[in-house]
Amino acid sequence: MQSSWINDAEFSGYFAAMDEGLYEAEGISFEYLSGGPSVIPESSLLSGAADVALTTPDTTINAIVDQGADFVIIGTQYQRNPLGVVSLASSGIDEPADLVGKTIAVPDVNRLAFDAMLTINDVDPASVTVVPYAYDPTPLLQGEVDATIDFVTNVPYTIEQAGEEPSSFLLYDVGYKIPNDTVVVTRDTLENKREELLAWLRASRGGWEKVLEDPAAYPPKFADTWFRGTGRTVENETYFNTAQKPLIESESGIFALTDQQVQDTIDTLALIGIQADKDMFDLSLLDEL
């Protein structure tokens, strides 16, 4: 599996499934490939380096539409995307309308999503000053910007450690309704490795259930293994785990993706010029779990 970022709490469920022998119990040999800022998860599918990748649906569907990539989305880790507007509580930014006249640090990859969120909420993008963001909240803490676009599961912890009070809201909760860490495979893999994919989903779901049952349990166990070298503390990863719990869990089970979520994703991506359709999703594996 190709992950989408560095080894942190975002991927704890897979680490737990490996350490607890859940993949082995399902009869599959599992290799985890770390991600990072220079890694394009879909590339590992195209090269054959990975059978499964965690992606953002906009990049995956854009690859299908523009490049003819034979990808299909079979589930999603995050029911609600952790991407949000993060600020200091003292800034008074509690909703999109509060961004007018403010300076916001936005990663290039999220600029279209940010502008779409503003438009959905009747905020003129021209009324907001946007500057580049390198995933470092220091400019926010120093007052150089009023807010950043980042995961609300992580940056608020850094703000608290600096002695400030954080404030945040999800883009998802104000109308930009796409999930994140969508589970993507090629159609060839879906057709020819169906049983292996079902086994992977079962084991991975089991790993996440263990992690989310007690968000504080696994970070200490992973500190010198999976999390080594990230520069983050056990407390940081525990905060991350706790914050992401309600974004991952679903009444239909972890990785669930409903027909309504698919339609919401299609409608939202249309706002940034990406024309998705239901054929780019296959929910049949989830139905079998």
Foldseek 3Di string as FASTA:
>chain_A
DEEAAAQFLVQQLVVQLVVVVLLVVLVDDDDYHHHHPVDDQVVCQVVVVDQKYFWFVLVVLCCCVVVVAQKAFAFAQFQAAQKWKKFFVVLVDADLVSQFQFEEAEAPVCPLVVCLLCVLVVHHPVRHHYDHDDPDCVCRVVVVGGIYTDGPLFVQVVQVVVVTHMHIDGSCVSQLQTGGRTMMGGVVCCVPVVSSVLSVVVSSLVSLVVCLVQVLPCLVVCDVPSVPPPPDDSVRSSSSSPVRSVRQDDPLGGRDDDPVSVVSNQVNSVSSPRHDDPVSYDHVSSVVD
